[in-house]
């Protein structure tokens, strides 16, 4: 083997080692970001344990009580519209525990759910810190509000799920009876799972504009494509609304669908902004 070939082989091996080290360095950095996010979630879990009585009685069990804010507002709306059927003044059904360690696991699971919910913004911030160094200066400026907007949309979704979808679903399911011989009795695990799933799922679905922003930057979605595919988006949104809401009534599905339609239209505006930025950047660089 000639000397030049040996030198070339050594250089290629050196580059491969550098690339491999860089990959593992990135994995190590990501690991520490996730560790810090996990610590934050653990801290919020501890806080949830400290204030567990308030969290369980007021927040988790809130939608099971007729005095819940949503039910009171529906009663006032019914009075204003002279529709007494709007008022929900009774939530039947008994919640029980059927496992020996059921109440202990309930406390842990509910504290974990609260920890994840409150720690989600910090998790986003840690992910942003991991991604940020790999972006160009213009990309950093364009995505500078990522954590704020993603957190805001998540919190709006959480509030919408908790104050709209959860009480509507619980009221419908608790009052549903196919026979007088069957008494509605729910396990506490089933109740907590329903409340947590509906609330968190809505918070995640409300991240739609952020997803559209990312896909638009990658060139996967365009304004033209989203406008031409609006009819298909409507069908998909209705399916999502049907999955999120266990209640089959059209009123609840419509209430859930409207914000999703709005988010889709907001996504079109976001995609348009991204395209204008790309065109402007291309013009500045003399590529268009």
C-alpha atoms as a PDB file:
ATOM      1  CA  UNK A   1       0.000   0.000   0.000  1.00  0.00           C
ATOM      2  CA  UNK A   2       1.370   3.410  -0.986  1.00  0.00           C
ATOM      3  CA  UNK A   3       2.083   6.127   1.553  1.00  0.00           C
ATOM      4  CA  UNK A   4      -0.717   8.335   0.140  1.00  0.00           C
ATOM      5  CA  UNK A   5      -3.280   5.555   0.553  1.00  0.00           C
ATOM      6  CA  UNK A   6      -2.170   4.961   4.134  1.00  0.00           C
ATOM      7  CA  UNK A   7      -2.479   8.679   4.975  1.00  0.00           C
ATOM      8  CA  UNK A   8      -5.896   8.803   3.303  1.00  0.00           C
ATOM      9  CA  UNK A   9      -7.092   5.749   5.251  1.00  0.00           C
ATOM     10  CA  UNK A  10      -5.879   7.258   8.527  1.00  0.00           C
ATOM     11  CA  UNK A  11      -7.701  10.538   7.784  1.00  0.00           C
ATOM     12  CA  UNK A  12     -10.943   8.720   6.930  1.00  0.00           C
ATOM     13  CA  UNK A  13     -10.704   6.652  10.099  1.00  0.00           C
ATOM     14  CA  UNK A  14     -10.058   9.830  12.090  1.00  0.00           C
ATOM     15  CA  UNK A  15     -13.145  11.492  10.580  1.00  0.00           C
ATOM     16  CA  UNK A  16     -15.285   8.443  11.394  1.00  0.00           C
ATOM     17  CA  UNK A  17     -14.032   8.461  14.990  1.00  0.00           C
ATOM     18  CA  UNK A  18     -14.815  12.188  15.299  1.00  0.00           C
ATOM     19  CA  UNK A  19     -18.299  11.653  13.898  1.00  0.00           C
ATOM     20  CA  UNK A  20     -18.849   8.724  16.278  1.00  0.00           C
ATOM     21  CA  UNK A  21     -17.622  10.733  19.253  1.00  0.00           C
ATOM     22  CA  UNK A  22     -19.852  13.640  18.205  1.00  0.00           C
ATOM     23  CA  UNK A  23     -22.865  11.303  18.060  1.00  0.00           C
ATOM     24  CA  UNK A  24     -22.208   9.942  21.544  1.00  0.00           C
ATOM     25  CA  UNK A  25     -21.547  13.475  22.834  1.00  0.00           C
ATOM     26  CA  UNK A  26     -24.997  14.471  21.575  1.00  0.00           C
ATOM     27  CA  UNK A  27     -26.543  11.432  23.244  1.00  0.00           C
ATOM     28  CA  UNK A  28     -24.824  12.338  26.501  1.00  0.00           C
ATOM     29  CA  UNK A  29     -26.075  15.939  26.250  1.00  0.00           C
ATOM     30  CA  UNK A  30     -29.635  14.735  25.539  1.00  0.00           C
ATOM     31  CA  UNK A  31     -29.421  12.368  28.514  1.00  0.00           C
ATOM     32  CA  UNK A  32     -28.592  15.226  30.878  1.00  0.00           C
ATOM     33  CA  UNK A  33     -31.394  17.389  29.459  1.00  0.00           C
ATOM     34  CA  UNK A  34     -33.862  14.547  30.065  1.00  0.00           C
ATOM     35  CA  UNK A  35     -32.442  13.937  33.559  1.00  0.00           C
ATOM     36  CA  UNK A  36     -32.983  17.596  34.500  1.00  0.00           C
ATOM     37  CA  UNK A  37     -36.525  17.462  33.094  1.00  0.00           C
ATOM     38  CA  UNK A  38     -37.198  14.278  35.101  1.00  0.00           C
ATOM     39  CA  UNK A  39     -35.946  15.982  38.261  1.00  0.00           C
ATOM     40  CA  UNK A  40     -38.323  18.889  37.620  1.00  0.00           C
ATOM     41  CA  UNK A  41     -41.237  16.459  37.193  1.00  0.00           C
ATOM     42  CA  UNK A  42     -40.175  14.693  40.422  1.00  0.00           C
ATOM     43  CA  UNK A  43     -40.164  18.039  42.279  1.00  0.00           C
ATOM     44  CA  UNK A  44     -43.695  18.795  41.077  1.00  0.00           C
ATOM     45  CA  UNK A  45     -44.708  15.280  42.158  1.00  0.00           C
ATOM     46  CA  UNK A  46     -43.442  16.016  45.675  1.00  0.00           C
ATOM     47  CA  UNK A  47     -45.414  19.277  45.691  1.00  0.00           C
ATOM     48  CA  UNK A  48     -48.494  17.324  44.574  1.00  0.00           C
ATOM     49  CA  UNK A  49     -47.980  14.887  47.479  1.00  0.00           C
ATOM     50  CA  UNK A  50     -47.765  17.782  49.942  1.00  0.00           C
ATOM     51  CA  UNK A  51     -51.007  19.347  48.710  1.00  0.00           C
ATOM     52  CA  UNK A  52     -52.670  16.062  47.784  1.00  0.00           C
ATOM     53  CA  UNK A  53     -55.889  16.601  49.746  1.00  0.00           C
ATOM     54  CA  UNK A  54     -56.634  19.806  47.833  1.00  0.00           C
ATOM     55  CA  UNK A  55     -55.545  18.329  44.482  1.00  0.00           C
ATOM     56  CA  UNK A  56     -57.696  15.206  44.847  1.00  0.00           C
ATOM     57  CA  UNK A  57     -60.821  16.714  46.436  1.00  0.00           C
ATOM     58  CA  UNK A  58     -60.912  19.965  44.443  1.00  0.00           C
ATOM     59  CA  UNK A  59     -59.182  19.241  41.108  1.00  0.00           C
ATOM     60  CA  UNK A  60     -59.469  15.520  40.379  1.00  0.00           C
ATOM     61  CA  UNK A  61     -62.902  14.999  41.948  1.00  0.00           C
ATOM     62  CA  UNK A  62     -64.155  18.446  40.898  1.00  0.00           C
ATOM     63  CA  UNK A  63     -65.959  17.312  37.697  1.00  0.00           C
ATOM     64  CA  UNK A  64     -67.838  14.674  39.746  1.00  0.00           C
ATOM     65  CA  UNK A  65     -69.511  17.348  41.877  1.00  0.00           C
ATOM     66  CA  UNK A  66     -72.624  19.312  40.748  1.00  0.00           C
ATOM     67  CA  UNK A  67     -70.998  22.454  42.202  1.00  0.00           C
ATOM     68  CA  UNK A  68     -68.214  22.290  39.567  1.00  0.00           C
ATOM     69  CA  UNK A  69     -67.683  25.580  37.681  1.00  0.00           C
ATOM     70  CA  UNK A  70     -68.813  24.174  34.310  1.00  0.00           C
ATOM     71  CA  UNK A  71     -72.078  22.829  35.685  1.00  0.00           C
ATOM     72  CA  UNK A  72     -72.834  26.142  37.415  1.00  0.00           C
ATOM     73  CA  UNK A  73     -72.200  28.052  34.180  1.00  0.00           C
ATOM     74  CA  UNK A  74     -74.466  25.654  32.258  1.00  0.00           C
ATOM     75  CA  UNK A  75     -77.224  26.256  34.810  1.00  0.00           C
ATOM     76  CA  UNK A  76     -76.849  30.033  34.384  1.00  0.00           C
ATOM     77  CA  UNK A  77     -76.857  29.613  30.596  1.00  0.00           C
ATOM     78  CA  UNK A  78     -79.991  27.492  30.835  1.00  0.00           C
ATOM     79  CA  UNK A  79     -81.709  30.174  32.925  1.00  0.00           C
ATOM     80  CA  UNK A  80     -80.723  32.908  30.459  1.00  0.00           C
ATOM     81  CA  UNK A  81     -81.977  30.887  27.458  1.00  0.00           C
ATOM     82  CA  UNK A  82     -84.975  29.471  29.346  1.00  0.00           C
ATOM     83  CA  UNK A  83     -83.635  25.954  28.748  1.00  0.00           C
ATOM     84  CA  UNK A  84     -83.718  24.122  32.093  1.00  0.00           C
ATOM     85  CA  UNK A  85     -82.319  21.012  30.391  1.00  0.00           C
ATOM     86  CA  UNK A  86     -78.900  22.701  30.236  1.00  0.00           C
ATOM     87  CA  UNK A  87     -78.575  22.613  34.020  1.00  0.00           C
ATOM     88  CA  UNK A  88     -76.714  19.624  35.464  1.00  0.00           C
ATOM     89  CA  UNK A  89     -77.479  19.407  39.174  1.00  0.00           C
ATOM     90  CA  UNK A  90     -76.850  15.714  39.779  1.00  0.00           C
ATOM     91  CA  UNK A  91     -73.944  13.403  38.912  1.00  0.00           C
ATOM     92  CA  UNK A  92     -75.065   9.865  39.860  1.00  0.00           C
ATOM     93  CA  UNK A  93     -72.763   6.919  40.194  1.00  0.00           C
ATOM     94  CA  UNK A  94     -70.562   5.768  43.037  1.00  0.00           C
ATOM     95  CA  UNK A  95     -66.768   5.682  42.884  1.00  0.00           C
ATOM     96  CA  UNK A  96     -65.164   2.756  44.692  1.00  0.00           C
ATOM     97  CA  UNK A  97     -61.766   1.173  45.266  1.00  0.00           C
ATOM     98  CA  UNK A  98     -61.462  -2.555  44.538  1.00  0.00           C
ATOM     99  CA  UNK A  99     -57.752  -3.158  45.151  1.00  0.00           C
ATOM    100  CA  UNK A 100     -55.893  -3.571  48.456  1.00  0.00           C
ATOM    101  CA  UNK A 101     -53.248  -1.017  47.454  1.00  0.00           C
ATOM    102  CA  UNK A 102     -55.642   0.891  45.208  1.00  0.00           C
ATOM    103  CA  UNK A 103     -55.684   4.148  47.165  1.00  0.00           C
ATOM    104  CA  UNK A 104     -51.897   4.122  47.525  1.00  0.00           C
ATOM    105  CA  UNK A 105     -51.366   3.645  43.765  1.00  0.00           C
ATOM    106  CA  UNK A 106     -54.065   6.265  43.162  1.00  0.00           C
ATOM    107  CA  UNK A 107     -52.047   8.804  45.137  1.00  0.00           C
ATOM    108  CA  UNK A 108     -48.844   7.963  43.248  1.00  0.00           C
ATOM    109  CA  UNK A 109     -50.489   7.971  39.789  1.00  0.00           C
ATOM    110  CA  UNK A 110     -52.368  11.222  40.318  1.00  0.00           C
ATOM    111  CA  UNK A 111     -49.251  12.925  41.708  1.00  0.00           C
ATOM    112  CA  UNK A 112     -47.297  11.680  38.677  1.00  0.00           C
ATOM    113  CA  UNK A 113     -49.940  13.071  36.298  1.00  0.00           C
ATOM    114  CA  UNK A 114     -49.819  16.449  38.055  1.00  0.00           C
ATOM    115  CA  UNK A 115     -46.004  16.350  37.946  1.00  0.00           C
ATOM    116  CA  UNK A 116     -45.945  15.644  34.195  1.00  0.00           C
ATOM    117  CA  UNK A 117     -48.527  18.348  33.491  1.00  0.00           C
ATOM    118  CA  UNK A 118     -46.713  21.031  35.488  1.00  0.00           C
ATOM    119  CA  UNK A 119     -43.267  19.878  34.321  1.00  0.00           C
ATOM    120  CA  UNK A 120     -44.173  19.821  30.620  1.00  0.00           C
ATOM    121  CA  UNK A 121     -43.091  23.469  29.985  1.00  0.00           C
ATOM    122  CA  UNK A 122     -39.694  22.774  31.555  1.00  0.00           C
ATOM    123  CA  UNK A 123     -39.345  19.616  29.436  1.00  0.00           C
ATOM    124  CA  UNK A 124     -39.981  21.738  26.323  1.00  0.00           C
ATOM    125  CA  UNK A 125     -37.356  24.230  27.482  1.00  0.00           C
ATOM    126  CA  UNK A 126     -34.763  21.497  27.965  1.00  0.00           C
ATOM    127  CA  UNK A 127     -35.501  20.075  24.501  1.00  0.00           C
ATOM    128  CA  UNK A 128     -35.162  23.578  23.051  1.00  0.00           C
ATOM    129  CA  UNK A 129     -31.777  23.960  24.753  1.00  0.00           C
ATOM    130  CA  UNK A 130     -30.683  20.676  23.153  1.00  0.00           C
ATOM    131  CA  UNK A 131     -31.880  21.604  19.639  1.00  0.00           C
ATOM    132  CA  UNK A 132     -30.857  25.281  19.688  1.00  0.00           C
ATOM    133  CA  UNK A 133     -27.049  24.854  19.141  1.00  0.00           C
ATOM    134  CA  UNK A 134     -27.708  22.916  15.901  1.00  0.00           C
ATOM    135  CA  UNK A 135     -29.738  25.762  14.369  1.00  0.00           C
ATOM    136  CA  UNK A 136     -28.464  28.669  12.306  1.00  0.00           C
ATOM    137  CA  UNK A 137     -28.824  32.206  13.669  1.00  0.00           C
ATOM    138  CA  UNK A 138     -31.866  32.961  11.479  1.00  0.00           C
ATOM    139  CA  UNK A 139     -33.494  29.661  12.445  1.00  0.00           C
ATOM    140  CA  UNK A 140     -32.964  30.443  16.126  1.00  0.00           C
ATOM    141  CA  UNK A 141     -34.647  33.829  15.723  1.00  0.00           C
ATOM    142  CA  UNK A 142     -37.531  32.286  13.777  1.00  0.00           C
ATOM    143  CA  UNK A 143     -38.098  29.646  16.485  1.00  0.00           C
ATOM    144  CA  UNK A 144     -37.290  31.859  19.489  1.00  0.00           C
ATOM    145  CA  UNK A 145     -40.878  31.735  20.809  1.00  0.00           C
ATOM    146  CA  UNK A 146     -41.174  27.944  20.512  1.00  0.00           C
ATOM    147  CA  UNK A 147     -41.277  27.194  24.256  1.00  0.00           C
ATOM    148  CA  UNK A 148     -43.691  30.047  25.031  1.00  0.00           C
ATOM    149  CA  UNK A 149     -46.216  29.240  22.281  1.00  0.00           C
ATOM    150  CA  UNK A 150     -46.004  25.464  22.789  1.00  0.00           C
ATOM    151  CA  UNK A 151     -46.590  25.923  26.541  1.00  0.00           C
ATOM    152  CA  UNK A 152     -49.439  28.384  25.953  1.00  0.00           C
ATOM    153  CA  UNK A 153     -51.209  26.035  23.520  1.00  0.00           C
ATOM    154  CA  UNK A 154     -50.700  23.087  25.876  1.00  0.00           C
ATOM    155  CA  UNK A 155     -52.185  24.981  28.836  1.00  0.00           C
ATOM    156  CA  UNK A 156     -55.144  26.215  26.762  1.00  0.00           C
ATOM    157  CA  UNK A 157     -55.753  22.621  25.665  1.00  0.00           C
ATOM    158  CA  UNK A 158     -55.506  21.387  29.258  1.00  0.00           C
ATOM    159  CA  UNK A 159     -58.030  23.997  30.433  1.00  0.00           C
ATOM    160  CA  UNK A 160     -60.385  23.247  27.539  1.00  0.00           C
ATOM    161  CA  UNK A 161     -60.185  19.514  28.192  1.00  0.00           C
ATOM    162  CA  UNK A 162     -60.653  19.861  31.951  1.00  0.00           C
ATOM    163  CA  UNK A 163     -63.466  22.442  31.946  1.00  0.00           C
ATOM    164  CA  UNK A 164     -65.353  21.367  28.795  1.00  0.00           C
ATOM    165  CA  UNK A 165     -64.666  17.800  27.652  1.00  0.00           C
ATOM    166  CA  UNK A 166     -64.204  16.109  31.051  1.00  0.00           C
ATOM    167  CA  UNK A 167     -67.409  17.407  32.751  1.00  0.00           C
ATOM    168  CA  UNK A 168     -69.501  16.773  29.619  1.00  0.00           C
ATOM    169  CA  UNK A 169     -68.155  13.229  29.367  1.00  0.00           C
ATOM    170  CA  UNK A 170     -68.549  12.431  33.075  1.00  0.00           C
ATOM    171  CA  UNK A 171     -72.084  13.836  33.153  1.00  0.00           C
ATOM    172  CA  UNK A 172     -73.104  11.807  30.108  1.00  0.00           C
ATOM    173  CA  UNK A 173     -71.507   8.531  31.215  1.00  0.00           C
ATOM    174  CA  UNK A 174     -72.673   8.819  34.839  1.00  0.00           C
ATOM    175  CA  UNK A 175     -76.273   9.433  33.742  1.00  0.00           C
ATOM    176  CA  UNK A 176     -76.231   6.746  31.035  1.00  0.00           C
ATOM    177  CA  UNK A 177     -78.332   3.723  31.946  1.00  0.00           C
ATOM    178  CA  UNK A 178     -79.546   0.959  29.674  1.00  0.00           C
ATOM    179  CA  UNK A 179     -81.569  -0.696  32.449  1.00  0.00           C
ATOM    180  CA  UNK A 180     -82.884   0.194  35.905  1.00  0.00           C
ATOM    181  CA  UNK A 181     -81.453  -3.110  37.085  1.00  0.00           C
ATOM    182  CA  UNK A 182     -77.898  -1.838  36.513  1.00  0.00           C
ATOM    183  CA  UNK A 183     -76.365   0.609  38.972  1.00  0.00           C
ATOM    184  CA  UNK A 184     -73.452   2.759  37.833  1.00  0.00           C
ATOM    185  CA  UNK A 185     -70.459   2.087  40.077  1.00  0.00           C
ATOM    186  CA  UNK A 186     -67.022   3.150  38.836  1.00  0.00           C
ATOM    187  CA  UNK A 187     -63.582   2.209  40.085  1.00  0.00           C
ATOM    188  CA  UNK A 188     -61.387   5.111  41.123  1.00  0.00           C
ATOM    189  CA  UNK A 189     -58.712   3.960  38.652  1.00  0.00           C
ATOM    190  CA  UNK A 190     -61.220   4.154  35.802  1.00  0.00           C
ATOM    191  CA  UNK A 191     -62.306   7.633  36.883  1.00  0.00           C
ATOM    192  CA  UNK A 192     -58.736   8.958  37.199  1.00  0.00           C
ATOM    193  CA  UNK A 193     -57.766   7.399  33.864  1.00  0.00           C
ATOM    194  CA  UNK A 194     -60.708   9.073  32.105  1.00  0.00           C
ATOM    195  CA  UNK A 195     -60.002  12.514  33.590  1.00  0.00           C
ATOM    196  CA  UNK A 196     -56.243  12.322  32.905  1.00  0.00           C
ATOM    197  CA  UNK A 197     -56.574  10.908  29.380  1.00  0.00           C
ATOM    198  CA  UNK A 198     -59.170  13.426  28.230  1.00  0.00           C
ATOM    199  CA  UNK A 199     -57.287  16.376  29.743  1.00  0.00           C
ATOM    200  CA  UNK A 200     -53.773  15.480  28.558  1.00  0.00           C
ATOM    201  CA  UNK A 201     -54.970  14.306  25.130  1.00  0.00           C
ATOM    202  CA  UNK A 202     -56.636  17.660  24.530  1.00  0.00           C
ATOM    203  CA  UNK A 203     -53.485  19.504  25.627  1.00  0.00           C
ATOM    204  CA  UNK A 204     -51.415  17.482  23.131  1.00  0.00           C
ATOM    205  CA  UNK A 205     -53.935  17.940  20.294  1.00  0.00           C
ATOM    206  CA  UNK A 206     -53.792  21.717  20.813  1.00  0.00           C
ATOM    207  CA  UNK A 207     -50.114  21.572  19.787  1.00  0.00           C
ATOM    208  CA  UNK A 208     -51.302  21.267  16.161  1.00  0.00           C
ATOM    209  CA  UNK A 209     -50.018  24.723  15.070  1.00  0.00           C
ATOM    210  CA  UNK A 210     -46.547  23.880  16.459  1.00  0.00           C
ATOM    211  CA  UNK A 211     -46.517  20.613  14.492  1.00  0.00           C
ATOM    212  CA  UNK A 212     -47.585  22.470  11.348  1.00  0.00           C
ATOM    213  CA  UNK A 213     -44.834  25.038  11.925  1.00  0.00           C
ATOM    214  CA  UNK A 214     -42.180  22.306  12.157  1.00  0.00           C
ATOM    215  CA  UNK A 215     -43.480  20.434   9.094  1.00  0.00           C
ATOM    216  CA  UNK A 216     -43.671  23.688   7.112  1.00  0.00           C
ATOM    217  CA  UNK A 217     -40.041  24.460   7.922  1.00  0.00           C
ATOM    218  CA  UNK A 218     -39.097  20.979   6.747  1.00  0.00           C
ATOM    219  CA  UNK A 219     -41.027  21.534   3.505  1.00  0.00           C
ATOM    220  CA  UNK A 220     -43.496  18.719   4.214  1.00  0.00           C
ATOM    221  CA  UNK A 221     -46.548  21.017   4.449  1.00  0.00           C
ATOM    222  CA  UNK A 222     -47.404  24.038   2.281  1.00  0.00           C
ATOM    223  CA  UNK A 223     -50.257  26.547   2.368  1.00  0.00           C
ATOM    224  CA  UNK A 224     -51.523  25.276  -0.999  1.00  0.00           C
ATOM    225  CA  UNK A 225     -51.554  21.674   0.230  1.00  0.00           C
ATOM    226  CA  UNK A 226     -53.360  22.547   3.481  1.00  0.00           C
ATOM    227  CA  UNK A 227     -56.004  24.629   1.696  1.00  0.00           C
ATOM    228  CA  UNK A 228     -56.646  21.973  -0.944  1.00  0.00           C
ATOM    229  CA  UNK A 229     -56.802  19.300   1.759  1.00  0.00           C
ATOM    230  CA  UNK A 230     -59.219  21.193   3.996  1.00  0.00           C
ATOM    231  CA  UNK A 231     -62.097  18.781   3.256  1.00  0.00           C
ATOM    232  CA  UNK A 232     -59.956  15.829   4.336  1.00  0.00           C
ATOM    233  CA  UNK A 233     -58.805  17.756   7.411  1.00  0.00           C
ATOM    234  CA  UNK A 234     -62.447  18.239   8.427  1.00  0.00           C
ATOM    235  CA  UNK A 235     -63.033  14.485   8.326  1.00  0.00           C
ATOM    236  CA  UNK A 236     -59.841  13.812  10.323  1.00  0.00           C
ATOM    237  CA  UNK A 237     -60.784  16.462  12.902  1.00  0.00           C
ATOM    238  CA  UNK A 238     -64.234  14.893  13.340  1.00  0.00           C
ATOM    239  CA  UNK A 239     -62.595  11.496  13.859  1.00  0.00           C
ATOM    240  CA  UNK A 240     -60.195  12.990  16.447  1.00  0.00           C
ATOM    241  CA  UNK A 241     -63.144  14.652  18.206  1.00  0.00           C
ATOM    242  CA  UNK A 242     -64.989  11.325  18.273  1.00  0.00           C
ATOM    243  CA  UNK A 243     -61.928   9.573  19.749  1.00  0.00           C
ATOM    244  CA  UNK A 244     -61.268  12.269  22.373  1.00  0.00           C
ATOM    245  CA  UNK A 245     -64.882  12.416  23.536  1.00  0.00           C
ATOM    246  CA  UNK A 246     -66.384   9.132  24.724  1.00  0.00           C
ATOM    247  CA  UNK A 247     -69.841  10.745  24.522  1.00  0.00           C
ATOM    248  CA  UNK A 248     -71.596  10.082  21.194  1.00  0.00           C
ATOM    249  CA  UNK A 249     -73.833  13.166  21.270  1.00  0.00           C
ATOM    250  CA  UNK A 250     -73.325  15.713  18.474  1.00  0.00           C
ATOM    251  CA  UNK A 251     -73.261  18.717  20.830  1.00  0.00           C
ATOM    252  CA  UNK A 252     -70.096  17.565  22.620  1.00  0.00           C
ATOM    253  CA  UNK A 253     -68.421  16.553  19.345  1.00  0.00           C
ATOM    254  CA  UNK A 254     -69.231  19.959  17.860  1.00  0.00           C
ATOM    255  CA  UNK A 255     -67.848  21.781  20.903  1.00  0.00           C
ATOM    256  CA  UNK A 256     -64.607  19.788  20.601  1.00  0.00           C
ATOM    257  CA  UNK A 257     -64.387  20.121  16.805  1.00  0.00           C
ATOM    258  CA  UNK A 258     -64.703  23.925  16.636  1.00  0.00           C
ATOM    259  CA  UNK A 259     -61.360  24.682  18.408  1.00  0.00           C
ATOM    260  CA  UNK A 260     -59.639  22.073  16.218  1.00  0.00           C
ATOM    261  CA  UNK A 261     -60.996  23.745  13.079  1.00  0.00           C
ATOM    262  CA  UNK A 262     -59.718  27.088  14.405  1.00  0.00           C
ATOM    263  CA  UNK A 263     -56.300  25.550  15.150  1.00  0.00           C
ATOM    264  CA  UNK A 264     -56.128  24.165  11.605  1.00  0.00           C
ATOM    265  CA  UNK A 265     -56.871  27.598  10.143  1.00  0.00           C
ATOM    266  CA  UNK A 266     -54.242  29.103  12.463  1.00  0.00           C
ATOM    267  CA  UNK A 267     -51.871  26.436  11.152  1.00  0.00           C
ATOM    268  CA  UNK A 268     -52.510  27.635   7.582  1.00  0.00           C
ATOM    269  CA  UNK A 269     -51.583  31.170   8.640  1.00  0.00           C
ATOM    270  CA  UNK A 270     -48.444  29.828  10.348  1.00  0.00           C
ATOM    271  CA  UNK A 271     -47.482  27.880   7.206  1.00  0.00           C
ATOM    272  CA  UNK A 272     -47.951  31.082   5.170  1.00  0.00           C
ATOM    273  CA  UNK A 273     -45.617  33.000   7.488  1.00  0.00           C
ATOM    274  CA  UNK A 274     -42.992  30.255   7.185  1.00  0.00           C
ATOM    275  CA  UNK A 275     -43.202  30.317   3.373  1.00  0.00           C
ATOM    276  CA  UNK A 276     -42.802  34.113   3.290  1.00  0.00           C
ATOM    277  CA  UNK A 277     -39.740  33.859   5.539  1.00  0.00           C
ATOM    278  CA  UNK A 278     -38.241  31.177   3.305  1.00  0.00           C
ATOM    279  CA  UNK A 279     -38.851  33.279   0.174  1.00  0.00           C
ATOM    280  CA  UNK A 280     -37.356  36.365   1.812  1.00  0.00           C
ATOM    281  CA  UNK A 281     -34.308  34.375   2.959  1.00  0.00           C
ATOM    282  CA  UNK A 282     -33.855  32.956  -0.544  1.00  0.00           C
ATOM    283  CA  UNK A 283     -34.052  36.452  -2.061  1.00  0.00           C
ATOM    284  CA  UNK A 284     -31.462  37.759   0.400  1.00  0.00           C
ATOM    285  CA  UNK A 285     -29.125  34.922  -0.500  1.00  0.00           C
ATOM    286  CA  UNK A 286     -29.719  35.488  -4.202  1.00  0.00           C
ATOM    287  CA  UNK A 287     -31.324  32.089  -4.764  1.00  0.00           C
ATOM    288  CA  UNK A 288     -34.644  33.417  -6.027  1.00  0.00           C
END
